[in-house]
Amino acid sequence: MSLTPWFRWNEAPPRLSSRSPAEMVLDTLMMELAGQMREVERQQRERNHAVRKVRTGADYSWLASAPRPSYDLSPGERLQLEDVCARIHPSYCGPAILRFRQLLAEREPEVQEVARLFRSVLQEVLERMRQEEEAHKLTRQWPRAGPALAFRPRARIAPFASDIPTISEDVERVAPPPPRTWSMPEFRAPHQD
């Protein structure tokens, strides 16, 4: 029996990653792209194998070793995608991944089309971020907006100050209740007219 596990309590706990949120978003999105490319390539290989099996009538898949990935991003394309991924806010990372997976499920693309779909999803997310940022800027500038942008209603509406008599006012102005008997004290609020 080794005593090594008993002495590990004295070791320093593992440090959390000191990566910035932008780096973590970049890594997450690029890992998602790589994983989806591998999955699409695997599905494509299986489809091709099934077609060959039907055409030849024989299955020789047990002879073949696991093939290496045949498609990879070019360095320039990878850098462009990383640049776009770095601009994605962390709160939009999850929705971007979900939208990317949804498009892949709908279209069943070839492996060469996956990067293009990924780029289109990232552009959609950046556009949504820009629109929400502009809307947020407008709401922050609302009180300080100039006369051209400020909304000034012409009539002021005061719901409780009205000269129009209502039914409830008529009911409230009915004669006061009769005074209480001498055995009970009279509890009335001061009357304000």
N, C-alpha and C. Protein backbone atom coordinates (compact mmCIF):
# COMPACT_ATOMS: atom_id res chain seq x y z
N MET A 1 0.83 -1.18 0.00
CA MET A 1 0.00 0.00 0.00
C MET A 1 0.87 1.24 0.00
N SER A 2 0.62 2.08 -0.96
CA SER A 2 1.41 3.29 -1.11
C SER A 2 0.83 4.41 -0.25
N LEU A 3 1.71 5.21 0.32
CA LEU A 3 1.28 6.34 1.14
C LEU A 3 1.24 7.64 0.34
N THR A 4 1.53 7.57 -0.94
CA THR A 4 1.58 8.77 -1.76
C THR A 4 0.26 9.55 -1.74
N PRO A 5 -0.91 8.91 -1.86
CA PRO A 5 -2.15 9.70 -1.83
C PRO A 5 -2.35 10.47 -0.53
N TRP A 6 -1.78 9.96 0.56
CA TRP A 6 -1.96 10.65 1.83
C TRP A 6 -1.16 11.94 1.91
N PHE A 7 -0.12 12.04 1.14
CA PHE A 7 0.71 13.23 1.20
C PHE A 7 0.32 14.28 0.17
N ARG A 8 -0.67 14.02 -0.62
CA ARG A 8 -1.07 14.98 -1.66
C ARG A 8 -1.86 16.15 -1.09
N TRP A 9 -2.31 16.07 0.12
CA TRP A 9 -3.08 17.16 0.69
C TRP A 9 -2.23 18.42 0.81
N ASN A 10 -0.92 18.24 0.85
CA ASN A 10 -0.02 19.37 1.02
C ASN A 10 0.27 20.07 -0.31
N GLU A 11 -0.09 19.46 -1.42
CA GLU A 11 0.19 20.08 -2.72
C GLU A 11 -0.75 21.24 -2.96
N ALA A 12 -0.29 22.18 -3.75
CA ALA A 12 -1.13 23.33 -4.10
C ALA A 12 -2.26 22.87 -5.02
N PRO A 13 -3.45 23.44 -4.86
CA PRO A 13 -4.55 23.05 -5.75
C PRO A 13 -4.25 23.50 -7.18
N PRO A 14 -4.79 22.81 -8.15
CA PRO A 14 -4.53 23.23 -9.53
C PRO A 14 -5.09 24.63 -9.78
N ARG A 15 -4.31 25.44 -10.46
CA ARG A 15 -4.71 26.82 -10.72
C ARG A 15 -5.72 26.85 -11.86
N LEU A 16 -6.65 27.75 -11.72
CA LEU A 16 -7.62 27.94 -12.78
C LEU A 16 -6.95 28.63 -13.95
N SER A 17 -7.49 28.44 -15.09
CA SER A 17 -6.92 29.03 -16.29
C SER A 17 -6.98 30.55 -16.21
N SER A 18 -5.91 31.18 -16.63
CA SER A 18 -5.87 32.65 -16.61
C SER A 18 -6.16 33.22 -17.99
N ARG A 19 -6.88 32.45 -18.79
CA ARG A 19 -7.21 32.92 -20.13
C ARG A 19 -8.33 33.93 -20.06
N SER A 20 -8.31 34.85 -20.98
CA SER A 20 -9.37 35.85 -21.03
C SER A 20 -10.64 35.23 -21.61
N PRO A 21 -11.80 35.85 -21.38
CA PRO A 21 -13.03 35.32 -21.96
C PRO A 21 -12.99 35.26 -23.49
N ALA A 22 -12.32 36.23 -24.12
CA ALA A 22 -12.23 36.23 -25.59
C ALA A 22 -11.45 35.01 -26.08
N GLU A 23 -10.38 34.64 -25.36
CA GLU A 23 -9.60 33.46 -25.74
C GLU A 23 -10.41 32.19 -25.56
N MET A 24 -11.19 32.14 -24.49
CA MET A 24 -11.99 30.95 -24.25
C MET A 24 -13.09 30.82 -25.30
N VAL A 25 -13.69 31.94 -25.72
CA VAL A 25 -14.70 31.91 -26.78
C VAL A 25 -14.06 31.45 -28.08
N LEU A 26 -12.89 31.99 -28.39
CA LEU A 26 -12.17 31.60 -29.60
C LEU A 26 -11.89 30.10 -29.61
N ASP A 27 -11.35 29.60 -28.50
CA ASP A 27 -11.03 28.16 -28.42
C ASP A 27 -12.29 27.31 -28.53
N THR A 28 -13.35 27.72 -27.86
CA THR A 28 -14.60 26.95 -27.88
C THR A 28 -15.18 26.89 -29.28
N LEU A 29 -15.23 28.04 -29.95
CA LEU A 29 -15.81 28.06 -31.30
C LEU A 29 -14.96 27.29 -32.30
N MET A 30 -13.65 27.41 -32.20
CA MET A 30 -12.78 26.69 -33.14
C MET A 30 -12.81 25.18 -32.86
N MET A 31 -12.93 24.78 -31.59
CA MET A 31 -13.05 23.35 -31.29
C MET A 31 -14.39 22.82 -31.83
N GLU A 32 -15.44 23.63 -31.74
CA GLU A 32 -16.73 23.22 -32.29
C GLU A 32 -16.63 23.03 -33.80
N LEU A 33 -15.97 23.96 -34.48
CA LEU A 33 -15.80 23.84 -35.93
C LEU A 33 -15.02 22.57 -36.28
N ALA A 34 -13.91 22.34 -35.58
CA ALA A 34 -13.10 21.16 -35.87
C ALA A 34 -13.89 19.88 -35.61
N GLY A 35 -14.61 19.83 -34.52
CA GLY A 35 -15.40 18.64 -34.19
C GLY A 35 -16.51 18.39 -35.21
N GLN A 36 -17.17 19.45 -35.64
CA GLN A 36 -18.24 19.28 -36.63
C GLN A 36 -17.68 18.88 -37.98
N MET A 37 -16.50 19.39 -38.32
CA MET A 37 -15.87 18.99 -39.59
C MET A 37 -15.54 17.50 -39.56
N ARG A 38 -15.00 17.02 -38.43
CA ARG A 38 -14.70 15.59 -38.31
C ARG A 38 -15.98 14.76 -38.42
N GLU A 39 -17.03 15.21 -37.76
CA GLU A 39 -18.29 14.47 -37.79
C GLU A 39 -18.88 14.43 -39.20
N VAL A 40 -18.86 15.57 -39.91
CA VAL A 40 -19.39 15.61 -41.28
C VAL A 40 -18.56 14.71 -42.18
N GLU A 41 -17.25 14.74 -41.98
CA GLU A 41 -16.37 13.89 -42.79
C GLU A 41 -16.64 12.41 -42.52
N ARG A 42 -16.87 12.05 -41.26
CA ARG A 42 -17.18 10.67 -40.91
C ARG A 42 -18.49 10.24 -41.56
N GLN A 43 -19.51 11.10 -41.49
CA GLN A 43 -20.79 10.78 -42.11
C GLN A 43 -20.66 10.64 -43.63
N GLN A 44 -19.84 11.51 -44.21
CA GLN A 44 -19.61 11.45 -45.65
C GLN A 44 -18.92 10.15 -46.03
N ARG A 45 -17.94 9.73 -45.23
CA ARG A 45 -17.23 8.48 -45.47
C ARG A 45 -18.17 7.29 -45.37
N GLU A 46 -19.07 7.32 -44.37
CA GLU A 46 -20.03 6.23 -44.21
C GLU A 46 -20.99 6.16 -45.39
N ARG A 47 -21.44 7.33 -45.87
CA ARG A 47 -22.32 7.33 -47.04
C ARG A 47 -21.62 6.77 -48.26
N ASN A 48 -20.36 7.19 -48.46
CA ASN A 48 -19.59 6.68 -49.60
C ASN A 48 -19.37 5.17 -49.48
N HIS A 49 -19.11 4.70 -48.26
CA HIS A 49 -18.89 3.28 -48.04
C HIS A 49 -20.17 2.50 -48.34
N ALA A 50 -21.31 3.03 -47.91
CA ALA A 50 -22.59 2.34 -48.17
C ALA A 50 -22.88 2.27 -49.67
N VAL A 51 -22.55 3.35 -50.39
CA VAL A 51 -22.76 3.35 -51.84
C VAL A 51 -21.86 2.31 -52.50
N ARG A 52 -20.58 2.25 -52.09
CA ARG A 52 -19.65 1.27 -52.65
C ARG A 52 -20.10 -0.16 -52.34
N LYS A 53 -20.60 -0.36 -51.14
CA LYS A 53 -21.03 -1.68 -50.74
C LYS A 53 -22.22 -2.13 -51.59
N VAL A 54 -23.13 -1.23 -51.86
CA VAL A 54 -24.29 -1.56 -52.70
C VAL A 54 -23.83 -1.82 -54.14
N ARG A 55 -22.90 -1.01 -54.62
CA ARG A 55 -22.42 -1.15 -56.00
C ARG A 55 -21.64 -2.44 -56.22
N THR A 56 -20.73 -2.77 -55.29
CA THR A 56 -19.88 -3.94 -55.47
C THR A 56 -20.48 -5.21 -54.88
N GLY A 57 -21.33 -5.06 -53.89
CA GLY A 57 -21.93 -6.23 -53.26
C GLY A 57 -21.04 -6.88 -52.23
N ALA A 58 -19.86 -6.32 -51.95
CA ALA A 58 -18.96 -6.91 -50.96
C ALA A 58 -18.55 -5.84 -49.96
N ASP A 59 -18.26 -6.28 -48.74
CA ASP A 59 -17.85 -5.36 -47.68
C ASP A 59 -16.41 -5.67 -47.30
N TYR A 60 -15.50 -4.77 -47.67
CA TYR A 60 -14.09 -4.94 -47.32
C TYR A 60 -13.65 -3.92 -46.28
N SER A 61 -14.58 -3.35 -45.54
CA SER A 61 -14.24 -2.31 -44.56
C SER A 61 -13.34 -2.84 -43.45
N TRP A 62 -13.41 -4.11 -43.15
CA TRP A 62 -12.58 -4.67 -42.10
C TRP A 62 -11.11 -4.68 -42.48
N LEU A 63 -10.80 -4.55 -43.78
CA LEU A 63 -9.41 -4.50 -44.22
C LEU A 63 -8.81 -3.09 -44.08
N ALA A 64 -9.66 -2.11 -44.15
CA ALA A 64 -9.16 -0.73 -44.16
C ALA A 64 -8.87 -0.25 -42.74
N SER A 65 -7.80 0.50 -42.62
CA SER A 65 -7.50 1.12 -41.33
C SER A 65 -8.24 2.46 -41.26
N ALA A 66 -8.26 3.04 -40.11
CA ALA A 66 -8.97 4.31 -39.93
C ALA A 66 -8.30 5.38 -40.79
N PRO A 67 -9.03 5.98 -41.69
CA PRO A 67 -8.42 6.98 -42.58
C PRO A 67 -8.17 8.30 -41.85
N ARG A 68 -7.16 8.99 -42.32
CA ARG A 68 -6.86 10.31 -41.77
C ARG A 68 -7.83 11.33 -42.36
N PRO A 69 -8.05 12.41 -41.65
CA PRO A 69 -8.93 13.43 -42.20
C PRO A 69 -8.40 13.93 -43.54
N SER A 70 -9.27 13.99 -44.51
CA SER A 70 -8.82 14.38 -45.85
C SER A 70 -8.95 15.88 -46.09
N TYR A 71 -9.75 16.57 -45.26
CA TYR A 71 -9.94 18.01 -45.49
C TYR A 71 -9.51 18.76 -44.25
N ASP A 72 -8.76 19.82 -44.47
CA ASP A 72 -8.34 20.68 -43.37
C ASP A 72 -8.41 22.12 -43.85
N LEU A 73 -8.60 23.03 -42.93
CA LEU A 73 -8.65 24.46 -43.28
C LEU A 73 -7.27 24.95 -43.69
N SER A 74 -7.25 25.86 -44.64
CA SER A 74 -5.97 26.48 -45.00
C SER A 74 -5.58 27.44 -43.88
N PRO A 75 -4.29 27.72 -43.71
CA PRO A 75 -3.87 28.64 -42.64
C PRO A 75 -4.53 30.02 -42.75
N GLY A 76 -4.70 30.53 -43.96
CA GLY A 76 -5.34 31.83 -44.13
C GLY A 76 -6.79 31.80 -43.71
N GLU A 77 -7.50 30.75 -44.09
CA GLU A 77 -8.90 30.62 -43.72
C GLU A 77 -9.05 30.45 -42.21
N ARG A 78 -8.14 29.69 -41.61
CA ARG A 78 -8.17 29.50 -40.16
C ARG A 78 -7.96 30.83 -39.43
N LEU A 79 -7.01 31.63 -39.91
CA LEU A 79 -6.75 32.93 -39.27
C LEU A 79 -7.95 33.86 -39.40
N GLN A 80 -8.60 33.85 -40.57
CA GLN A 80 -9.78 34.69 -40.76
C GLN A 80 -10.90 34.27 -39.81
N LEU A 81 -11.12 32.97 -39.70
CA LEU A 81 -12.16 32.50 -38.79
C LEU A 81 -11.82 32.82 -37.33
N GLU A 82 -10.56 32.68 -36.96
CA GLU A 82 -10.15 33.01 -35.60
C GLU A 82 -10.36 34.49 -35.31
N ASP A 83 -10.10 35.34 -36.32
CA ASP A 83 -10.30 36.77 -36.15
C ASP A 83 -11.78 37.07 -35.89
N VAL A 84 -12.65 36.43 -36.64
CA VAL A 84 -14.09 36.65 -36.45
C VAL A 84 -14.53 36.08 -35.10
N CYS A 85 -14.04 34.92 -34.73
CA CYS A 85 -14.40 34.30 -33.46
C CYS A 85 -13.98 35.17 -32.27
N ALA A 86 -12.85 35.84 -32.39
CA ALA A 86 -12.34 36.68 -31.30
C ALA A 86 -13.24 37.88 -31.05
N ARG A 87 -14.05 38.27 -32.03
CA ARG A 87 -14.94 39.43 -31.86
C ARG A 87 -16.28 39.04 -31.25
N ILE A 88 -16.55 37.76 -31.07
CA ILE A 88 -17.82 37.30 -30.52
C ILE A 88 -17.81 37.49 -29.01
N HIS A 89 -18.86 38.10 -28.48
CA HIS A 89 -18.99 38.29 -27.03
C HIS A 89 -19.30 36.94 -26.39
N PRO A 90 -18.78 36.67 -25.18
CA PRO A 90 -19.02 35.38 -24.54
C PRO A 90 -20.50 35.00 -24.41
N SER A 91 -21.38 35.97 -24.23
CA SER A 91 -22.79 35.63 -24.06
C SER A 91 -23.43 35.15 -25.37
N TYR A 92 -22.77 35.37 -26.50
CA TYR A 92 -23.28 34.94 -27.79
C TYR A 92 -22.65 33.63 -28.26
N CYS A 93 -21.72 33.09 -27.51
CA CYS A 93 -21.01 31.87 -27.92
C CYS A 93 -21.97 30.68 -28.00
N GLY A 94 -22.76 30.47 -26.97
CA GLY A 94 -23.69 29.35 -26.95
C GLY A 94 -24.73 29.43 -28.07
N PRO A 95 -25.40 30.59 -28.24
CA PRO A 95 -26.35 30.70 -29.35
C PRO A 95 -25.70 30.49 -30.72
N ALA A 96 -24.45 30.92 -30.89
CA ALA A 96 -23.76 30.72 -32.17
C ALA A 96 -23.55 29.23 -32.43
N ILE A 97 -23.15 28.49 -31.41
CA ILE A 97 -22.94 27.06 -31.56
C ILE A 97 -24.26 26.35 -31.88
N LEU A 98 -25.32 26.73 -31.18
CA LEU A 98 -26.62 26.11 -31.44
C LEU A 98 -27.10 26.39 -32.86
N ARG A 99 -26.93 27.62 -33.32
CA ARG A 99 -27.34 27.97 -34.69
C ARG A 99 -26.51 27.20 -35.72
N PHE A 100 -25.21 27.04 -35.47
CA PHE A 100 -24.34 26.30 -36.37
C PHE A 100 -24.78 24.84 -36.45
N ARG A 101 -25.06 24.23 -35.31
CA ARG A 101 -25.51 22.84 -35.31
C ARG A 101 -26.86 22.69 -36.01
N GLN A 102 -27.73 23.68 -35.83
CA GLN A 102 -29.03 23.64 -36.49
C GLN A 102 -28.87 23.68 -38.01
N LEU A 103 -28.00 24.56 -38.50
CA LEU A 103 -27.77 24.63 -39.95
C LEU A 103 -27.17 23.34 -40.49
N LEU A 104 -26.26 22.75 -39.74
CA LEU A 104 -25.66 21.49 -40.18
C LEU A 104 -26.70 20.39 -40.25
N ALA A 105 -27.60 20.34 -39.28
CA ALA A 105 -28.64 19.31 -39.29
C ALA A 105 -29.63 19.52 -40.43
N GLU A 106 -29.93 20.78 -40.75
CA GLU A 106 -30.88 21.07 -41.81
C GLU A 106 -30.31 20.76 -43.19
N ARG A 107 -29.06 21.11 -43.41
CA ARG A 107 -28.51 21.07 -44.76
C ARG A 107 -27.69 19.82 -45.08
N GLU A 108 -27.14 19.16 -44.09
CA GLU A 108 -26.24 18.02 -44.29
C GLU A 108 -25.20 18.34 -45.36
N PRO A 109 -24.30 19.30 -45.08
CA PRO A 109 -23.35 19.76 -46.09
C PRO A 109 -22.18 18.80 -46.29
N GLU A 110 -21.44 19.05 -47.36
CA GLU A 110 -20.17 18.37 -47.58
C GLU A 110 -19.14 19.00 -46.63
N VAL A 111 -18.04 18.31 -46.40
CA VAL A 111 -17.06 18.81 -45.43
C VAL A 111 -16.45 20.15 -45.87
N GLN A 112 -16.38 20.40 -47.17
CA GLN A 112 -15.82 21.66 -47.66
C GLN A 112 -16.75 22.83 -47.38
N GLU A 113 -18.04 22.59 -47.20
CA GLU A 113 -19.02 23.65 -46.97
C GLU A 113 -19.17 24.02 -45.50
N VAL A 114 -18.61 23.22 -44.61
CA VAL A 114 -18.80 23.44 -43.17
C VAL A 114 -18.20 24.77 -42.74
N ALA A 115 -17.01 25.09 -43.19
CA ALA A 115 -16.36 26.35 -42.80
C ALA A 115 -17.17 27.55 -43.31
N ARG A 116 -17.75 27.43 -44.50
CA ARG A 116 -18.55 28.53 -45.04
C ARG A 116 -19.81 28.73 -44.19
N LEU A 117 -20.46 27.65 -43.80
CA LEU A 117 -21.63 27.75 -42.92
C LEU A 117 -21.25 28.37 -41.57
N PHE A 118 -20.10 27.96 -41.06
CA PHE A 118 -19.63 28.48 -39.78
C PHE A 118 -19.41 29.99 -39.88
N ARG A 119 -18.80 30.42 -40.96
CA ARG A 119 -18.54 31.85 -41.16
C ARG A 119 -19.87 32.62 -41.25
N SER A 120 -20.86 32.05 -41.94
CA SER A 120 -22.15 32.74 -42.07
C SER A 120 -22.83 32.88 -40.71
N VAL A 121 -22.72 31.85 -39.87
CA VAL A 121 -23.30 31.93 -38.53
C VAL A 121 -22.60 33.01 -37.71
N LEU A 122 -21.28 33.07 -37.80
CA LEU A 122 -20.54 34.09 -37.06
C LEU A 122 -20.92 35.49 -37.53
N GLN A 123 -21.12 35.67 -38.84
CA GLN A 123 -21.54 36.97 -39.36
C GLN A 123 -22.93 37.34 -38.84
N GLU A 124 -23.84 36.37 -38.77
CA GLU A 124 -25.17 36.63 -38.21
C GLU A 124 -25.06 37.10 -36.77
N VAL A 125 -24.22 36.43 -36.00
CA VAL A 125 -24.07 36.77 -34.59
C VAL A 125 -23.47 38.16 -34.44
N LEU A 126 -22.46 38.48 -35.24
CA LEU A 126 -21.86 39.81 -35.17
C LEU A 126 -22.88 40.89 -35.54
N GLU A 127 -23.71 40.62 -36.52
CA GLU A 127 -24.75 41.57 -36.92
C GLU A 127 -25.76 41.77 -35.78
N ARG A 128 -26.16 40.69 -35.14
CA ARG A 128 -27.09 40.79 -34.02
C ARG A 128 -26.46 41.57 -32.87
N MET A 129 -25.17 41.32 -32.61
CA MET A 129 -24.47 42.07 -31.56
C MET A 129 -24.46 43.56 -31.88
N ARG A 130 -24.19 43.90 -33.14
CA ARG A 130 -24.13 45.30 -33.55
C ARG A 130 -25.49 45.97 -33.38
N GLN A 131 -26.55 45.28 -33.79
CA GLN A 131 -27.90 45.84 -33.67
C GLN A 131 -28.28 46.07 -32.21
N GLU A 132 -27.98 45.10 -31.36
CA GLU A 132 -28.32 45.26 -29.95
C GLU A 132 -27.48 46.35 -29.30
N GLU A 133 -26.25 46.51 -29.73
CA GLU A 133 -25.41 47.57 -29.20
C GLU A 133 -25.96 48.94 -29.61
N GLU A 134 -26.39 49.08 -30.86
CA GLU A 134 -26.97 50.35 -31.31
C GLU A 134 -28.26 50.65 -30.56
N ALA A 135 -29.09 49.64 -30.35
CA ALA A 135 -30.33 49.84 -29.60
C ALA A 135 -30.02 50.26 -28.17
N HIS A 136 -28.98 49.66 -27.58
CA HIS A 136 -28.60 50.00 -26.22
C HIS A 136 -28.08 51.45 -26.16
N LYS A 137 -27.32 51.86 -27.17
CA LYS A 137 -26.82 53.24 -27.20
C LYS A 137 -27.98 54.23 -27.30
N LEU A 138 -28.98 53.90 -28.11
CA LEU A 138 -30.13 54.79 -28.25
C LEU A 138 -30.89 54.91 -26.94
N THR A 139 -31.04 53.83 -26.22
CA THR A 139 -31.77 53.90 -24.96
C THR A 139 -30.98 54.65 -23.90
N ARG A 140 -29.67 54.60 -23.98
CA ARG A 140 -28.87 55.37 -23.02
C ARG A 140 -28.90 56.85 -23.35
N GLN A 141 -29.03 57.22 -24.62
CA GLN A 141 -29.01 58.62 -25.03
C GLN A 141 -30.39 59.25 -24.96
N TRP A 142 -31.41 58.51 -24.66
CA TRP A 142 -32.79 59.00 -24.70
C TRP A 142 -32.98 60.30 -23.91
N PRO A 143 -32.60 60.41 -22.63
CA PRO A 143 -32.86 61.66 -21.91
C PRO A 143 -32.04 62.82 -22.43
N ARG A 144 -30.88 62.57 -22.99
CA ARG A 144 -30.01 63.65 -23.44
C ARG A 144 -30.18 63.94 -24.92
N ALA A 145 -31.14 63.31 -25.56
CA ALA A 145 -31.30 63.49 -27.01
C ALA A 145 -31.73 64.92 -27.31
N GLY A 146 -31.35 65.38 -28.46
CA GLY A 146 -31.71 66.73 -28.90
C GLY A 146 -33.18 66.82 -29.24
N PRO A 147 -33.64 68.02 -29.62
CA PRO A 147 -35.06 68.19 -29.90
C PRO A 147 -35.55 67.37 -31.09
N ALA A 148 -34.66 67.04 -32.01
CA ALA A 148 -35.09 66.27 -33.18
C ALA A 148 -35.39 64.82 -32.81
N LEU A 149 -34.69 64.28 -31.80
CA LEU A 149 -34.87 62.88 -31.43
C LEU A 149 -35.80 62.69 -30.25
N ALA A 150 -35.99 63.75 -29.45
CA ALA A 150 -36.79 63.59 -28.23
C ALA A 150 -38.28 63.53 -28.58
N PHE A 151 -38.99 62.69 -27.87
CA PHE A 151 -40.43 62.56 -28.04
C PHE A 151 -41.09 63.43 -26.99
N ARG A 152 -41.84 64.40 -27.46
CA ARG A 152 -42.53 65.29 -26.52
C ARG A 152 -44.02 65.24 -26.83
N PRO A 153 -44.79 64.63 -25.96
CA PRO A 153 -46.22 64.58 -26.21
C PRO A 153 -46.84 65.97 -26.09
N ARG A 154 -47.85 66.22 -26.88
CA ARG A 154 -48.49 67.53 -26.87
C ARG A 154 -49.43 67.69 -25.69
N ALA A 155 -50.09 66.64 -25.29
CA ALA A 155 -51.04 66.73 -24.18
C ALA A 155 -50.53 65.89 -23.02
N ARG A 156 -50.63 66.46 -21.87
CA ARG A 156 -50.26 65.72 -20.66
C ARG A 156 -51.48 64.96 -20.17
N ILE A 157 -51.28 63.73 -19.79
CA ILE A 157 -52.38 62.92 -19.30
C ILE A 157 -52.18 62.69 -17.82
N ALA A 158 -53.15 63.14 -17.04
CA ALA A 158 -53.12 62.92 -15.60
C ALA A 158 -54.33 62.08 -15.25
N PRO A 159 -54.15 60.79 -15.01
CA PRO A 159 -55.30 59.91 -14.83
C PRO A 159 -56.13 60.19 -13.58
N PHE A 160 -55.57 60.82 -12.57
CA PHE A 160 -56.31 61.02 -11.33
C PHE A 160 -56.85 62.44 -11.19
N ALA A 161 -56.44 63.34 -12.03
CA ALA A 161 -56.93 64.72 -11.98
C ALA A 161 -57.82 64.94 -13.19
N SER A 162 -59.09 64.73 -13.00
CA SER A 162 -60.02 64.83 -14.11
C SER A 162 -61.22 65.66 -13.69
N ASP A 163 -61.74 66.46 -14.63
CA ASP A 163 -62.94 67.25 -14.38
C ASP A 163 -64.19 66.50 -14.78
N ILE A 164 -64.04 65.32 -15.36
CA ILE A 164 -65.18 64.53 -15.80
C ILE A 164 -65.70 63.73 -14.62
N PRO A 165 -66.99 63.93 -14.26
CA PRO A 165 -67.53 63.16 -13.14
C PRO A 165 -67.66 61.69 -13.51
N THR A 166 -67.38 60.84 -12.55
CA THR A 166 -67.49 59.41 -12.77
C THR A 166 -68.52 58.83 -11.83
N ILE A 167 -68.91 57.61 -12.09
CA ILE A 167 -69.90 56.94 -11.25
C ILE A 167 -69.35 56.75 -9.84
N SER A 168 -68.08 56.41 -9.74
CA SER A 168 -67.51 56.16 -8.41
C SER A 168 -67.53 57.44 -7.56
N GLU A 169 -67.32 58.59 -8.18
CA GLU A 169 -67.37 59.84 -7.43
C GLU A 169 -68.78 60.10 -6.92
N ASP A 170 -69.79 59.79 -7.75
CA ASP A 170 -71.17 59.98 -7.33
C ASP A 170 -71.51 59.07 -6.15
N VAL A 171 -71.03 57.87 -6.18
CA VAL A 171 -71.30 56.94 -5.09
C VAL A 171 -70.62 57.41 -3.81
N GLU A 172 -69.42 57.94 -3.95
CA GLU A 172 -68.68 58.40 -2.77
C GLU A 172 -69.29 59.65 -2.16
N ARG A 173 -69.99 60.46 -2.95
CA ARG A 173 -70.56 61.71 -2.46
C ARG A 173 -71.97 61.53 -1.90
N VAL A 174 -72.41 60.32 -1.75
CA VAL A 174 -73.71 60.06 -1.15
C VAL A 174 -73.66 60.52 0.31
N ALA A 175 -74.79 60.75 0.87
CA ALA A 175 -74.87 61.26 2.25
C ALA A 175 -74.05 60.41 3.19
N PRO A 176 -73.42 61.04 4.19
CA PRO A 176 -72.59 60.28 5.14
C PRO A 176 -73.45 59.31 5.93
N PRO A 177 -72.85 58.28 6.44
CA PRO A 177 -73.61 57.29 7.21
C PRO A 177 -74.14 57.92 8.50
N PRO A 178 -75.21 57.40 9.04
CA PRO A 178 -75.77 57.97 10.28
C PRO A 178 -74.78 57.81 11.42
N PRO A 179 -74.82 58.74 12.37
CA PRO A 179 -73.88 58.63 13.49
C PRO A 179 -74.13 57.37 14.33
N ARG A 180 -73.11 56.92 14.96
CA ARG A 180 -73.16 55.73 15.78
C ARG A 180 -73.95 56.01 17.07
N THR A 181 -74.35 54.95 17.71
CA THR A 181 -75.05 55.10 18.98
C THR A 181 -74.06 55.52 20.04
N TRP A 182 -74.60 55.97 21.20
CA TRP A 182 -73.75 56.47 22.26
C TRP A 182 -72.85 55.39 22.84
N SER A 183 -73.19 54.15 22.71
CA SER A 183 -72.38 53.11 23.32
C SER A 183 -71.09 52.84 22.53
N MET A 184 -71.08 53.21 21.29
CA MET A 184 -69.89 52.99 20.47
C MET A 184 -69.23 54.33 20.13
N PRO A 185 -67.92 54.39 20.26
CA PRO A 185 -67.26 55.64 19.86
C PRO A 185 -67.32 55.81 18.35
N GLU A 186 -67.26 57.04 17.91
CA GLU A 186 -67.34 57.30 16.48
C GLU A 186 -65.93 57.39 15.91
N PHE A 187 -65.67 56.55 14.92
CA PHE A 187 -64.37 56.52 14.25
C PHE A 187 -64.56 57.09 12.85
N ARG A 188 -64.09 58.27 12.64
CA ARG A 188 -64.17 58.88 11.32
C ARG A 188 -62.83 59.51 10.99
N ALA A 189 -62.54 59.41 9.73
CA ALA A 189 -61.33 60.09 9.26
C ALA A 189 -61.66 61.57 9.09
N PRO A 190 -60.67 62.42 9.26
CA PRO A 190 -60.95 63.84 9.04
C PRO A 190 -61.44 64.06 7.62
N HIS A 191 -62.46 64.84 7.48
CA HIS A 191 -63.09 65.07 6.17
C HIS A 191 -62.36 66.19 5.46
N GLN A 192 -61.93 65.94 4.24
CA GLN A 192 -61.21 66.95 3.45
C GLN A 192 -62.02 67.31 2.23
N ASP A 193 -62.63 68.44 2.23
CA ASP A 193 -63.38 68.93 1.05
C ASP A 193 -62.85 70.23 0.58
